[in-house]
């Protein structure tokens, strides 16, 4: 449960990786692009 444990936030900080326990924070521009992409997916799903 320390620095070598990849499932904890401390271990992820040590390794430099991201995941459920250490998510990547998005910039406002990245968030807007992601929202636009999900909106497009929903529209195509409704058309089918």
Protein backbone atom coordinates (compact mmCIF):
# COMPACT_ATOMS: atom_id res chain seq x y z
CA UNK A 1 0.00 0.00 0.00
CA UNK A 2 2.81 2.37 -0.70
CA UNK A 3 4.78 3.79 -3.58
CA UNK A 4 5.06 0.46 -5.38
CA UNK A 5 1.31 -0.21 -5.37
CA UNK A 6 -0.03 0.80 -8.78
CA UNK A 7 -3.64 0.72 -7.55
CA UNK A 8 -3.23 3.65 -5.14
CA UNK A 9 -2.90 7.34 -5.92
CA UNK A 10 0.51 7.45 -4.24
CA UNK A 11 1.74 4.56 -6.39
CA UNK A 12 0.40 6.21 -9.53
CA UNK A 13 2.15 9.48 -8.67
CA UNK A 14 5.38 7.53 -8.15
CA UNK A 15 5.00 5.69 -11.48
CA UNK A 16 3.65 8.75 -13.31
CA UNK A 17 0.55 6.96 -14.59
CA UNK A 18 -3.15 7.79 -14.52
CA UNK A 19 -6.30 5.77 -13.92
CA UNK A 20 -9.35 5.48 -11.66
CA UNK A 21 -7.53 6.39 -8.46
CA UNK A 22 -5.59 9.20 -10.20
CA UNK A 23 -7.65 10.66 -13.05
CA UNK A 24 -6.29 13.15 -15.56
CA UNK A 25 -7.82 16.60 -15.06
CA UNK A 26 -8.96 18.09 -18.35
CA UNK A 27 -8.52 21.67 -19.44
CA UNK A 28 -11.70 23.58 -20.35
CA UNK A 29 -10.86 23.24 -24.07
CA UNK A 30 -10.41 19.47 -23.75
CA UNK A 31 -13.68 19.18 -21.82
CA UNK A 32 -15.56 21.15 -24.50
CA UNK A 33 -14.17 18.87 -27.23
CA UNK A 34 -15.18 15.78 -25.26
CA UNK A 35 -18.69 17.15 -24.70
CA UNK A 36 -19.04 17.90 -28.41
CA UNK A 37 -17.93 14.38 -29.32
CA UNK A 38 -20.45 12.75 -26.96
CA UNK A 39 -23.23 14.98 -28.31
CA UNK A 40 -22.40 13.86 -31.87
CA UNK A 41 -22.51 10.19 -30.78
CA UNK A 42 -25.92 10.68 -29.18
CA UNK A 43 -27.29 12.31 -32.37
CA UNK A 44 -26.12 9.46 -34.59
CA UNK A 45 -27.58 6.94 -32.15
CA UNK A 46 -30.97 8.69 -32.31
CA UNK A 47 -30.96 8.64 -36.13
CA UNK A 48 -30.44 4.88 -36.27
